[in-house]
Amino acid sequence: MLGSLARGCAAALLVLGALAVPAWAEAPVTLDPPKDAPVTLPAPVGEPETIPLPGETVPKPGTPAIWHVTKPNGGTITLFGSVHLLPAGRDWHTPALNAALDQAETVVFETPLDAMNSPETMAYLQKHIMNPPGVTLSTLLSPEDKAVVEKAAGEVGAPFGMMEGFRPWFASLQLAVLYAVHDGFDPNSGVDKKVEADAKAKGKKLDYFETTQEQLDFFVTMPSAQELEFLLSTAKDILERPNELRDMVEAWFAGDVAKLSETINGGLEETPDIAKLILYDRNVRWVEKITSTYMADGNDYLIVVGAGHLIGDKGVPALLRAKGLKVEGP
């Protein structure tokens, strides 16, 4: 479930992907918050190490995949996949992306990133991240599953005892983001955050597929069984696939859509209900807005969403092609 960091769960964590995981999770809240205190975000700790490609001392500029839809009325819709946490210092601004940003009247993201740190969002989180009184992760997990989560928490420097009060969905996102930061990824280097800042600087109109609360509610309203499944999947990924996030990011940098799909979506077969909730159903809704709203005028759009939403036969480009639209790209 580390792939959620590329799916827009900013992702994301995790989820992943999203993580594709929602964008608010780019910076983890402090562990074990007092129940009468607001959730706070920690200050950045140093500059994460840049992760070179094998055999390189200086990473090559990235060439992430990009898709273009030419509208009947002359406009263009460009799709670009985001990874919500990246190594610092890696260049992924391709000429095609820069041109699409310059050309676009409107830049579309999953959700308003600024709203993630608003007092309203923090208050909403505070109401929904903790287990009810008397309920802890230890009471929810079997002894075998608790041992897995406890070991994964130790791997990322988060003592299990400090996570006991968290609901499983929140503990899962915390593990995913802490794992990424522990592995040298920078919450401030996410693609959507950088592109949104560039779009604002250029005076672009911004639009969003979802509100902040809608993204949070994917997790807040998860059935208990799915929450535990989500947590255990993330813990197993940390222990059994420790290079998954690096492999995913390098495939994204290289524009290797087949490898990216394999890395991000390969584990989703083990959690089909979660995949449907945080990935596939959202793709369908986004495609409906693209076809009914963005295709209807002569304007140019740049759409930046978690990379996991753009790959595979259930990704946004594939769904647009299934509706008869010509989509240029992989």
C-alpha atoms as a PDB file:
ATOM      1  CA  MET A   1       0.000   0.000   0.000  1.00  0.00           C
ATOM      2  CA  LEU A   2       3.052   2.263  -0.184  1.00  0.00           C
ATOM      3  CA  GLY A   3       1.961   2.856  -3.757  1.00  0.00           C
ATOM      4  CA  SER A   4      -0.779   5.042  -2.278  1.00  0.00           C
ATOM      5  CA  LEU A   5       1.856   7.775  -2.101  1.00  0.00           C
ATOM      6  CA  ALA A   6       1.558   8.018  -5.869  1.00  0.00           C
ATOM      7  CA  ARG A   7      -2.186   7.677  -6.051  1.00  0.00           C
ATOM      8  CA  GLY A   8      -3.159  10.991  -4.530  1.00  0.00           C
ATOM      9  CA  CYS A   9      -3.624  10.083  -1.101  1.00  0.00           C
ATOM     10  CA  ALA A  10      -0.430  12.884  -1.294  1.00  0.00           C
ATOM     11  CA  ALA A  11      -0.489  10.479  -1.487  1.00  0.00           C
ATOM     12  CA  ALA A  12      -1.070   9.187   0.273  1.00  0.00           C
ATOM     13  CA  LEU A  13      -0.445   8.632   0.869  1.00  0.00           C
ATOM     14  CA  LEU A  14      -1.097   5.934   0.603  1.00  0.00           C
ATOM     15  CA  VAL A  15      -1.962   5.822  -0.432  1.00  0.00           C
ATOM     16  CA  LEU A  16      -0.876   4.896  -1.655  1.00  0.00           C
ATOM     17  CA  GLY A  17      -1.062   6.785  -4.478  1.00  0.00           C
ATOM     18  CA  ALA A  18      -2.029   7.255  -4.335  1.00  0.00           C
ATOM     19  CA  LEU A  19      -0.821   7.992  -3.209  1.00  0.00           C
ATOM     20  CA  ALA A  20      -1.369   8.255  -5.155  1.00  0.00           C
ATOM     21  CA  VAL A  21      -2.831   8.266  -0.052  1.00  0.00           C
ATOM     22  CA  PRO A  22      -4.900  12.135  -0.137  1.00  0.00           C
ATOM     23  CA  ALA A  23      -2.632  15.134  -0.406  1.00  0.00           C
ATOM     24  CA  TRP A  24      -3.031  16.285   3.187  1.00  0.00           C
ATOM     25  CA  ALA A  25      -0.798  13.400   4.356  1.00  0.00           C
ATOM     26  CA  GLU A  26       2.338  14.865   2.801  1.00  0.00           C
ATOM     27  CA  ALA A  27       3.520  15.952   6.246  1.00  0.00           C
ATOM     28  CA  PRO A  28       2.715  13.626   9.172  1.00  0.00           C
ATOM     29  CA  VAL A  29       1.053  14.968  12.278  1.00  0.00           C
ATOM     30  CA  THR A  30       2.876  14.421  15.543  1.00  0.00           C
ATOM     31  CA  LEU A  31       2.438  11.024  17.164  1.00  0.00           C
ATOM     32  CA  ASP A  32       0.375  10.588  20.305  1.00  0.00           C
ATOM     33  CA  PRO A  33      -1.312  14.030  20.320  1.00  0.00           C
ATOM     34  CA  PRO A  34      -3.031  15.054  23.564  1.00  0.00           C
ATOM     35  CA  LYS A  35      -6.748  14.554  23.149  1.00  0.00           C
ATOM     36  CA  ASP A  36      -7.466  18.166  24.124  1.00  0.00           C
ATOM     37  CA  ALA A  37      -4.863  19.681  21.802  1.00  0.00           C
ATOM     38  CA  PRO A  38      -5.131  20.451  18.073  1.00  0.00           C
ATOM     39  CA  VAL A  39      -3.256  18.333  15.583  1.00  0.00           C
ATOM     40  CA  THR A  40       0.030  20.036  14.685  1.00  0.00           C
ATOM     41  CA  LEU A  41       2.499  19.609  11.878  1.00  0.00           C
ATOM     42  CA  PRO A  42       6.197  19.174  12.673  1.00  0.00           C
ATOM     43  CA  ALA A  43       8.909  21.411  11.270  1.00  0.00           C
ATOM     44  CA  PRO A  44      11.030  19.926   8.478  1.00  0.00           C
ATOM     45  CA  VAL A  45      14.057  18.044   9.727  1.00  0.00           C
ATOM     46  CA  GLY A  46      17.044  18.785   7.510  1.00  0.00           C
ATOM     47  CA  GLU A  47      17.363  18.256   3.769  1.00  0.00           C
ATOM     48  CA  PRO A  48      16.694  14.668   2.643  1.00  0.00           C
ATOM     49  CA  GLU A  49      19.382  12.952   0.646  1.00  0.00           C
ATOM     50  CA  THR A  50      18.949  13.006  -3.106  1.00  0.00           C
ATOM     51  CA  ILE A  51      18.495   9.452  -4.363  1.00  0.00           C
ATOM     52  CA  PRO A  52      20.588   8.788  -7.526  1.00  0.00           C
ATOM     53  CA  LEU A  53      19.807   6.191 -10.129  1.00  0.00           C
ATOM     54  CA  PRO A  54      21.993   3.046  -9.941  1.00  0.00           C
ATOM     55  CA  GLY A  55      25.507   3.797 -11.163  1.00  0.00           C
ATOM     56  CA  GLU A  56      25.016   7.564 -11.164  1.00  0.00           C
ATOM     57  CA  THR A  57      26.412  10.237  -8.904  1.00  0.00           C
ATOM     58  CA  VAL A  58      24.169  12.999 -10.269  1.00  0.00           C
ATOM     59  CA  PRO A  59      20.567  12.007 -11.116  1.00  0.00           C
ATOM     60  CA  LYS A  60      19.481  12.570 -14.697  1.00  0.00           C
ATOM     61  CA  PRO A  61      16.508  14.881 -15.320  1.00  0.00           C
ATOM     62  CA  GLY A  62      13.264  12.924 -15.190  1.00  0.00           C
ATOM     63  CA  THR A  63      11.025  12.257 -18.178  1.00  0.00           C
ATOM     64  CA  PRO A  64       7.656  11.358 -16.589  1.00  0.00           C
ATOM     65  CA  ALA A  65       4.864  10.271 -18.897  1.00  0.00           C
ATOM     66  CA  ILE A  66       2.344  12.810 -20.152  1.00  0.00           C
ATOM     67  CA  TRP A  67      -0.962  12.483 -22.033  1.00  0.00           C
ATOM     68  CA  HIS A  68      -2.787  14.922 -24.344  1.00  0.00           C
ATOM     69  CA  VAL A  69      -6.432  15.058 -25.418  1.00  0.00           C
ATOM     70  CA  THR A  70      -7.252  17.326 -28.371  1.00  0.00           C
ATOM     71  CA  LYS A  71     -10.750  18.726 -27.987  1.00  0.00           C
ATOM     72  CA  PRO A  72     -13.091  19.041 -31.002  1.00  0.00           C
ATOM     73  CA  ASN A  73     -13.298  22.800 -30.397  1.00  0.00           C
ATOM     74  CA  GLY A  74      -9.528  23.245 -30.556  1.00  0.00           C
ATOM     75  CA  GLY A  75      -8.530  23.169 -26.903  1.00  0.00           C
ATOM     76  CA  THR A  76      -6.196  20.674 -25.258  1.00  0.00           C
ATOM     77  CA  ILE A  77      -6.403  18.693 -22.015  1.00  0.00           C
ATOM     78  CA  THR A  78      -3.041  17.511 -20.694  1.00  0.00           C
ATOM     79  CA  LEU A  79      -2.752  14.821 -17.999  1.00  0.00           C
ATOM     80  CA  PHE A  80       0.341  14.595 -15.777  1.00  0.00           C
ATOM     81  CA  GLY A  81       0.878  12.134 -12.922  1.00  0.00           C
ATOM     82  CA  SER A  82       1.926  13.372  -9.506  1.00  0.00           C
ATOM     83  CA  VAL A  83       4.048  11.695  -6.862  1.00  0.00           C
ATOM     84  CA  HIS A  84       3.324  13.335  -3.524  1.00  0.00           C
ATOM     85  CA  LEU A  85       6.710  12.787  -1.890  1.00  0.00           C
ATOM     86  CA  LEU A  86       9.963  12.841  -3.862  1.00  0.00           C
ATOM     87  CA  PRO A  87      13.695  12.998  -3.175  1.00  0.00           C
ATOM     88  CA  ALA A  88      14.860  16.598  -2.969  1.00  0.00           C
ATOM     89  CA  GLY A  89      16.854  17.956  -5.876  1.00  0.00           C
ATOM     90  CA  ARG A  90      15.430  15.750  -8.648  1.00  0.00           C
ATOM     91  CA  ASP A  91      14.365  17.595 -11.812  1.00  0.00           C
ATOM     92  CA  TRP A  92      11.112  16.402 -13.410  1.00  0.00           C
ATOM     93  CA  HIS A  93       9.980  19.565 -15.223  1.00  0.00           C
ATOM     94  CA  THR A  94       9.905  18.307 -18.808  1.00  0.00           C
ATOM     95  CA  PRO A  95       9.494  20.692 -21.773  1.00  0.00           C
ATOM     96  CA  ALA A  96       6.084  19.127 -22.454  1.00  0.00           C
ATOM     97  CA  LEU A  97       4.917  19.841 -18.898  1.00  0.00           C
ATOM     98  CA  ASN A  98       6.248  23.395 -18.967  1.00  0.00           C
ATOM     99  CA  ALA A  99       4.509  24.039 -22.288  1.00  0.00           C
ATOM    100  CA  ALA A 100       1.227  22.593 -21.001  1.00  0.00           C
ATOM    101  CA  LEU A 101       1.380  24.804 -17.901  1.00  0.00           C
ATOM    102  CA  ASP A 102       2.096  27.899 -19.958  1.00  0.00           C
ATOM    103  CA  GLN A 103      -0.733  27.100 -22.377  1.00  0.00           C
ATOM    104  CA  ALA A 104      -3.403  26.156 -19.825  1.00  0.00           C
ATOM    105  CA  GLU A 105      -6.056  28.603 -18.727  1.00  0.00           C
ATOM    106  CA  THR A 106      -6.957  26.257 -15.852  1.00  0.00           C
ATOM    107  CA  VAL A 107      -4.845  23.821 -13.834  1.00  0.00           C
ATOM    108  CA  VAL A 108      -6.795  21.038 -12.131  1.00  0.00           C
ATOM    109  CA  PHE A 109      -5.714  19.132  -9.009  1.00  0.00           C
ATOM    110  CA  GLU A 110      -7.302  16.500  -6.811  1.00  0.00           C
ATOM    111  CA  THR A 111      -7.958  18.847  -3.898  1.00  0.00           C
ATOM    112  CA  PRO A 112      -6.885  22.290  -2.614  1.00  0.00           C
ATOM    113  CA  LEU A 113      -3.523  21.687  -0.936  1.00  0.00           C
ATOM    114  CA  ASP A 114      -3.661  24.881   1.131  1.00  0.00           C
ATOM    115  CA  ALA A 115      -6.871  23.680   2.771  1.00  0.00           C
ATOM    116  CA  MET A 116      -5.089  20.639   4.179  1.00  0.00           C
ATOM    117  CA  ASN A 117      -3.449  22.778   6.862  1.00  0.00           C
ATOM    118  CA  SER A 118      -6.467  24.949   7.620  1.00  0.00           C
ATOM    119  CA  PRO A 119      -7.858  25.124  11.176  1.00  0.00           C
ATOM    120  CA  GLU A 120     -11.089  23.552   9.909  1.00  0.00           C
ATOM    121  CA  THR A 121      -9.244  20.546   8.454  1.00  0.00           C
ATOM    122  CA  MET A 122      -7.126  20.120  11.563  1.00  0.00           C
ATOM    123  CA  ALA A 123     -10.247  20.237  13.741  1.00  0.00           C
ATOM    124  CA  TYR A 124     -11.961  17.668  11.526  1.00  0.00           C
ATOM    125  CA  LEU A 125      -8.930  15.387  11.742  1.00  0.00           C
ATOM    126  CA  GLN A 126      -8.808  15.770  15.508  1.00  0.00           C
ATOM    127  CA  LYS A 127     -12.354  14.440  15.710  1.00  0.00           C
ATOM    128  CA  HIS A 128     -11.694  11.378  13.558  1.00  0.00           C
ATOM    129  CA  ILE A 129      -8.127  10.114  13.967  1.00  0.00           C
ATOM    130  CA  MET A 130      -8.490   8.629  17.448  1.00  0.00           C
ATOM    131  CA  ASN A 131     -10.106   5.352  18.499  1.00  0.00           C
ATOM    132  CA  PRO A 132     -13.098   5.490  20.857  1.00  0.00           C
ATOM    133  CA  PRO A 133     -12.325   5.348  24.599  1.00  0.00           C
ATOM    134  CA  GLY A 134     -11.156   1.905  25.625  1.00  0.00           C
ATOM    135  CA  VAL A 135     -10.258   0.891  22.068  1.00  0.00           C
ATOM    136  CA  THR A 136      -6.626   0.620  20.966  1.00  0.00           C
ATOM    137  CA  LEU A 137      -4.785  -0.931  18.051  1.00  0.00           C
ATOM    138  CA  SER A 138      -3.895  -3.810  20.373  1.00  0.00           C
ATOM    139  CA  THR A 139      -7.559  -4.555  20.984  1.00  0.00           C
ATOM    140  CA  LEU A 140      -8.351  -4.410  17.265  1.00  0.00           C
ATOM    141  CA  LEU A 141      -5.448  -6.473  15.907  1.00  0.00           C
ATOM    142  CA  SER A 142      -4.854 -10.169  16.365  1.00  0.00           C
ATOM    143  CA  PRO A 143      -1.565 -10.988  18.147  1.00  0.00           C
ATOM    144  CA  GLU A 144      -0.033 -12.042  14.824  1.00  0.00           C
ATOM    145  CA  ASP A 145      -1.112  -8.884  13.010  1.00  0.00           C
ATOM    146  CA  LYS A 146      -0.060  -6.704  15.913  1.00  0.00           C
ATOM    147  CA  ALA A 147       3.439  -8.187  15.723  1.00  0.00           C
ATOM    148  CA  VAL A 148       3.634  -7.254  12.022  1.00  0.00           C
ATOM    149  CA  VAL A 149       2.483  -3.670  12.608  1.00  0.00           C
ATOM    150  CA  GLU A 150       4.711  -3.311  15.657  1.00  0.00           C
ATOM    151  CA  LYS A 151       7.764  -4.430  13.679  1.00  0.00           C
ATOM    152  CA  ALA A 152       6.951  -2.063  10.797  1.00  0.00           C
ATOM    153  CA  ALA A 153       6.495   0.821  13.220  1.00  0.00           C
ATOM    154  CA  GLY A 154       9.914   0.092  14.666  1.00  0.00           C
ATOM    155  CA  GLU A 155      11.427   0.164  11.178  1.00  0.00           C
ATOM    156  CA  VAL A 156      10.303   3.772  10.671  1.00  0.00           C
ATOM    157  CA  GLY A 157      11.066   4.954  14.197  1.00  0.00           C
ATOM    158  CA  ALA A 158       7.482   5.106  15.462  1.00  0.00           C
ATOM    159  CA  PRO A 159       7.129   3.097  18.693  1.00  0.00           C
ATOM    160  CA  PHE A 160       3.919   1.085  18.511  1.00  0.00           C
ATOM    161  CA  GLY A 161       2.849   2.254  21.949  1.00  0.00           C
ATOM    162  CA  MET A 162       2.699   5.843  20.719  1.00  0.00           C
ATOM    163  CA  MET A 163       0.286   4.794  17.966  1.00  0.00           C
ATOM    164  CA  GLU A 164      -2.112   2.779  20.110  1.00  0.00           C
ATOM    165  CA  GLY A 165      -4.805   5.450  20.229  1.00  0.00           C
ATOM    166  CA  PHE A 166      -4.927   6.068  16.488  1.00  0.00           C
ATOM    167  CA  ARG A 167      -7.603   4.622  14.256  1.00  0.00           C
ATOM    168  CA  PRO A 168      -6.108   2.019  11.908  1.00  0.00           C
ATOM    169  CA  TRP A 169      -6.516   4.150   8.745  1.00  0.00           C
ATOM    170  CA  PHE A 170      -4.593   7.005  10.322  1.00  0.00           C
ATOM    171  CA  ALA A 171      -1.901   4.725  11.703  1.00  0.00           C
ATOM    172  CA  SER A 172      -1.521   3.291   8.193  1.00  0.00           C
ATOM    173  CA  LEU A 173      -0.988   6.704   6.599  1.00  0.00           C
ATOM    174  CA  GLN A 174       1.413   7.668   9.355  1.00  0.00           C
ATOM    175  CA  LEU A 175       3.492   4.541   8.745  1.00  0.00           C
ATOM    176  CA  ALA A 176       3.556   5.162   4.983  1.00  0.00           C
ATOM    177  CA  VAL A 177       4.636   8.791   5.260  1.00  0.00           C
ATOM    178  CA  LEU A 178       7.158   8.150   8.033  1.00  0.00           C
ATOM    179  CA  TYR A 179       8.607   5.310   5.977  1.00  0.00           C
ATOM    180  CA  ALA A 180       9.031   7.672   3.016  1.00  0.00           C
ATOM    181  CA  VAL A 181      10.652  10.413   5.087  1.00  0.00           C
ATOM    182  CA  HIS A 182      12.882   7.843   6.807  1.00  0.00           C
ATOM    183  CA  ASP A 183      13.957   6.669   3.333  1.00  0.00           C
ATOM    184  CA  GLY A 184      15.006  10.145   2.199  1.00  0.00           C
ATOM    185  CA  PHE A 185      11.836  11.493   0.592  1.00  0.00           C
ATOM    186  CA  ASP A 186      10.818  15.112   1.062  1.00  0.00           C
ATOM    187  CA  PRO A 187       7.187  16.082   1.811  1.00  0.00           C
ATOM    188  CA  ASN A 188       7.916  19.522   0.342  1.00  0.00           C
ATOM    189  CA  SER A 189       9.072  18.142  -3.031  1.00  0.00           C
ATOM    190  CA  GLY A 190       5.754  16.652  -4.134  1.00  0.00           C
ATOM    191  CA  VAL A 191       4.784  17.295  -7.754  1.00  0.00           C
ATOM    192  CA  ASP A 192       1.319  18.705  -7.114  1.00  0.00           C
ATOM    193  CA  LYS A 193       2.638  21.127  -4.493  1.00  0.00           C
ATOM    194  CA  LYS A 194       5.303  22.441  -6.892  1.00  0.00           C
ATOM    195  CA  VAL A 195       2.964  22.679  -9.893  1.00  0.00           C
ATOM    196  CA  GLU A 196       0.283  24.407  -7.844  1.00  0.00           C
ATOM    197  CA  ALA A 197       2.811  27.020  -6.693  1.00  0.00           C
ATOM    198  CA  ASP A 198       3.941  27.536 -10.312  1.00  0.00           C
ATOM    199  CA  ALA A 199       0.337  27.822 -11.490  1.00  0.00           C
ATOM    200  CA  LYS A 200      -0.457  30.459  -8.867  1.00  0.00           C
ATOM    201  CA  ALA A 201       2.683  32.412  -9.764  1.00  0.00           C
ATOM    202  CA  LYS A 202       1.571  32.443 -13.415  1.00  0.00           C
ATOM    203  CA  GLY A 203      -1.923  33.600 -12.484  1.00  0.00           C
ATOM    204  CA  LYS A 204      -3.658  30.430 -13.669  1.00  0.00           C
ATOM    205  CA  LYS A 205      -7.198  29.564 -12.683  1.00  0.00           C
ATOM    206  CA  LEU A 206      -7.307  26.550 -10.362  1.00  0.00           C
ATOM    207  CA  ASP A 207      -9.948  23.843 -10.163  1.00  0.00           C
ATOM    208  CA  TYR A 208     -10.285  20.659  -8.128  1.00  0.00           C
ATOM    209  CA  PHE A 209     -11.968  17.282  -8.436  1.00  0.00           C
ATOM    210  CA  GLU A 210     -12.625  16.904  -4.692  1.00  0.00           C
ATOM    211  CA  THR A 211     -12.878  18.930  -1.526  1.00  0.00           C
ATOM    212  CA  THR A 212     -10.505  18.314   1.355  1.00  0.00           C
ATOM    213  CA  GLN A 213     -13.225  16.704   3.463  1.00  0.00           C
ATOM    214  CA  GLU A 214     -14.271  14.435   0.597  1.00  0.00           C
ATOM    215  CA  GLN A 215     -10.714  13.086   0.435  1.00  0.00           C
ATOM    216  CA  LEU A 216     -10.498  12.652   4.182  1.00  0.00           C
ATOM    217  CA  ASP A 217     -13.850  10.913   4.242  1.00  0.00           C
ATOM    218  CA  PHE A 218     -12.534   8.120   2.020  1.00  0.00           C
ATOM    219  CA  PHE A 219     -10.674   7.070   5.163  1.00  0.00           C
ATOM    220  CA  VAL A 220     -12.837   8.469   7.950  1.00  0.00           C
ATOM    221  CA  THR A 221     -15.820   6.438   6.723  1.00  0.00           C
ATOM    222  CA  MET A 222     -13.914   3.206   6.025  1.00  0.00           C
ATOM    223  CA  PRO A 223     -15.553   0.116   7.537  1.00  0.00           C
ATOM    224  CA  SER A 224     -13.522  -1.313  10.413  1.00  0.00           C
ATOM    225  CA  ALA A 225     -12.448  -4.390   8.454  1.00  0.00           C
ATOM    226  CA  GLN A 226     -11.086  -2.209   5.625  1.00  0.00           C
ATOM    227  CA  GLU A 227      -9.224   0.002   8.079  1.00  0.00           C
ATOM    228  CA  LEU A 228      -7.409  -2.990   9.540  1.00  0.00           C
ATOM    229  CA  GLU A 229      -6.728  -4.358   6.050  1.00  0.00           C
ATOM    230  CA  PHE A 230      -5.280  -0.983   5.044  1.00  0.00           C
ATOM    231  CA  LEU A 231      -2.997  -0.862   8.093  1.00  0.00           C
ATOM    232  CA  LEU A 232      -1.769  -4.429   7.749  1.00  0.00           C
ATOM    233  CA  SER A 233      -1.104  -4.012   4.025  1.00  0.00           C
ATOM    234  CA  THR A 234       1.057  -0.941   4.656  1.00  0.00           C
ATOM    235  CA  ALA A 235       2.976  -2.693   7.434  1.00  0.00           C
ATOM    236  CA  LYS A 236       3.644  -5.735   5.246  1.00  0.00           C
ATOM    237  CA  ASP A 237       4.860  -3.523   2.395  1.00  0.00           C
ATOM    238  CA  ILE A 238       7.365  -1.829   4.703  1.00  0.00           C
ATOM    239  CA  LEU A 239       8.718  -5.174   5.859  1.00  0.00           C
ATOM    240  CA  GLU A 240       8.482  -7.268   2.696  1.00  0.00           C
ATOM    241  CA  ARG A 241       8.967  -4.682  -0.077  1.00  0.00           C
ATOM    242  CA  PRO A 242      11.294  -2.065   1.409  1.00  0.00           C
ATOM    243  CA  ASN A 243      12.431  -0.847  -2.026  1.00  0.00           C
ATOM    244  CA  GLU A 244       8.923  -0.467  -3.438  1.00  0.00           C
ATOM    245  CA  LEU A 245       8.754   3.301  -3.091  1.00  0.00           C
ATOM    246  CA  ARG A 246      12.183   3.874  -4.655  1.00  0.00           C
ATOM    247  CA  ASP A 247      11.346   1.507  -7.520  1.00  0.00           C
ATOM    248  CA  MET A 248       8.043   3.267  -8.077  1.00  0.00           C
ATOM    249  CA  VAL A 249       9.605   6.715  -8.128  1.00  0.00           C
ATOM    250  CA  GLU A 250      12.410   5.691 -10.484  1.00  0.00           C
ATOM    251  CA  ALA A 251       9.856   4.170 -12.877  1.00  0.00           C
ATOM    252  CA  TRP A 252       7.903   7.444 -12.722  1.00  0.00           C
ATOM    253  CA  PHE A 253      11.038   9.518 -13.380  1.00  0.00           C
ATOM    254  CA  ALA A 254      11.890   7.324 -16.375  1.00  0.00           C
ATOM    255  CA  GLY A 255       8.374   7.492 -17.827  1.00  0.00           C
ATOM    256  CA  ASP A 256       8.209   3.685 -17.660  1.00  0.00           C
ATOM    257  CA  VAL A 257       4.428   3.311 -17.485  1.00  0.00           C
ATOM    258  CA  ALA A 258       4.484  -0.496 -17.555  1.00  0.00           C
ATOM    259  CA  LYS A 259       6.883  -0.694 -14.608  1.00  0.00           C
ATOM    260  CA  LEU A 260       4.990   2.042 -12.773  1.00  0.00           C
ATOM    261  CA  SER A 261       1.723   0.167 -13.194  1.00  0.00           C
ATOM    262  CA  GLU A 262       3.324  -3.038 -11.960  1.00  0.00           C
ATOM    263  CA  THR A 263       4.793  -1.319  -8.898  1.00  0.00           C
ATOM    264  CA  ILE A 264       1.827   0.826  -7.902  1.00  0.00           C
ATOM    265  CA  ASN A 265      -1.093  -1.411  -8.743  1.00  0.00           C
ATOM    266  CA  GLY A 266       0.421  -4.866  -8.357  1.00  0.00           C
ATOM    267  CA  GLY A 267      -0.597  -5.193  -4.724  1.00  0.00           C
ATOM    268  CA  LEU A 268      -4.109  -3.879  -5.220  1.00  0.00           C
ATOM    269  CA  GLU A 269      -5.417  -7.338  -6.066  1.00  0.00           C
ATOM    270  CA  GLU A 270      -4.893  -8.189  -2.400  1.00  0.00           C
ATOM    271  CA  THR A 271      -7.134  -5.276  -1.313  1.00  0.00           C
ATOM    272  CA  PRO A 272      -9.813  -4.902  -4.030  1.00  0.00           C
ATOM    273  CA  ASP A 273     -12.298  -3.020  -1.853  1.00  0.00           C
ATOM    274  CA  ILE A 274      -9.712  -0.381  -0.948  1.00  0.00           C
ATOM    275  CA  ALA A 275      -8.571  -0.114  -4.570  1.00  0.00           C
ATOM    276  CA  LYS A 276     -12.162   0.506  -5.645  1.00  0.00           C
ATOM    277  CA  LEU A 277     -12.662   3.154  -2.954  1.00  0.00           C
ATOM    278  CA  ILE A 278      -9.506   5.232  -3.307  1.00  0.00           C
ATOM    279  CA  LEU A 279      -8.637   4.648  -6.950  1.00  0.00           C
ATOM    280  CA  TYR A 280     -11.102   3.191  -9.452  1.00  0.00           C
ATOM    281  CA  ASP A 281     -14.347   4.862  -8.347  1.00  0.00           C
ATOM    282  CA  ARG A 282     -12.608   8.221  -8.233  1.00  0.00           C
ATOM    283  CA  ASN A 283     -11.255   7.727 -11.763  1.00  0.00           C
ATOM    284  CA  VAL A 284     -14.791   7.202 -13.032  1.00  0.00           C
ATOM    285  CA  ARG A 285     -16.027  10.396 -11.353  1.00  0.00           C
ATOM    286  CA  TRP A 286     -13.100  12.415 -12.676  1.00  0.00           C
ATOM    287  CA  VAL A 287     -13.640  11.172 -16.226  1.00  0.00           C
ATOM    288  CA  GLU A 288     -17.280  12.223 -15.985  1.00  0.00           C
ATOM    289  CA  LYS A 289     -16.218  15.770 -15.034  1.00  0.00           C
ATOM    290  CA  ILE A 290     -13.586  15.864 -17.780  1.00  0.00           C
ATOM    291  CA  THR A 291     -16.036  14.779 -20.471  1.00  0.00           C
ATOM    292  CA  SER A 292     -19.006  16.835 -19.272  1.00  0.00           C
ATOM    293  CA  THR A 293     -17.206  20.037 -18.235  1.00  0.00           C
ATOM    294  CA  TYR A 294     -13.636  20.382 -19.470  1.00  0.00           C
ATOM    295  CA  MET A 295     -14.376  19.028 -22.958  1.00  0.00           C
ATOM    296  CA  ALA A 296     -17.289  21.430 -23.387  1.00  0.00           C
ATOM    297  CA  ASP A 297     -15.364  24.694 -23.862  1.00  0.00           C
ATOM    298  CA  GLY A 298     -12.433  25.862 -25.970  1.00  0.00           C
ATOM    299  CA  ASN A 299     -10.021  26.323 -23.066  1.00  0.00           C
ATOM    300  CA  ASP A 300      -6.796  24.453 -22.386  1.00  0.00           C
ATOM    301  CA  TYR A 301      -6.453  22.435 -19.171  1.00  0.00           C
ATOM    302  CA  LEU A 302      -3.553  20.841 -17.316  1.00  0.00           C
ATOM    303  CA  ILE A 303      -4.706  18.079 -14.957  1.00  0.00           C
ATOM    304  CA  VAL A 304      -2.277  16.916 -12.249  1.00  0.00           C
ATOM    305  CA  VAL A 305      -3.381  13.901 -10.179  1.00  0.00           C
ATOM    306  CA  GLY A 306      -1.688  10.953  -8.504  1.00  0.00           C
ATOM    307  CA  ALA A 307       0.276   8.912 -11.047  1.00  0.00           C
ATOM    308  CA  GLY A 308      -1.611   5.747 -10.118  1.00  0.00           C
ATOM    309  CA  HIS A 309      -4.808   7.281 -11.488  1.00  0.00           C
ATOM    310  CA  LEU A 310      -3.380   7.531 -15.001  1.00  0.00           C
ATOM    311  CA  ILE A 311      -2.103   4.003 -15.603  1.00  0.00           C
ATOM    312  CA  GLY A 312      -3.640   0.634 -16.346  1.00  0.00           C
ATOM    313  CA  ASP A 313      -6.911  -0.325 -17.988  1.00  0.00           C
ATOM    314  CA  LYS A 314      -8.894   1.447 -15.254  1.00  0.00           C
ATOM    315  CA  GLY A 315      -6.824   4.625 -15.376  1.00  0.00           C
ATOM    316  CA  VAL A 316      -8.188   7.960 -16.578  1.00  0.00           C
ATOM    317  CA  PRO A 317      -6.556   7.832 -20.074  1.00  0.00           C
ATOM    318  CA  ALA A 318      -7.933   4.326 -20.666  1.00  0.00           C
ATOM    319  CA  LEU A 319     -11.423   5.383 -19.544  1.00  0.00           C
ATOM    320  CA  LEU A 320     -11.308   8.430 -21.820  1.00  0.00           C
ATOM    321  CA  ARG A 321     -10.279   6.220 -24.755  1.00  0.00           C
ATOM    322  CA  ALA A 322     -13.149   3.875 -23.948  1.00  0.00           C
ATOM    323  CA  LYS A 323     -15.480   6.857 -24.420  1.00  0.00           C
ATOM    324  CA  GLY A 324     -14.117   7.358 -27.911  1.00  0.00           C
ATOM    325  CA  LEU A 325     -11.697  10.209 -27.218  1.00  0.00           C
ATOM    326  CA  LYS A 326      -8.278  10.295 -28.839  1.00  0.00           C
ATOM    327  CA  VAL A 327      -5.640  10.346 -26.092  1.00  0.00           C
ATOM    328  CA  GLU A 328      -2.031  10.783 -27.171  1.00  0.00           C
ATOM    329  CA  GLY A 329       0.480   9.191 -24.819  1.00  0.00           C
ATOM    330  CA  PRO A 330       1.503   5.789 -23.486  1.00  0.00           C
END
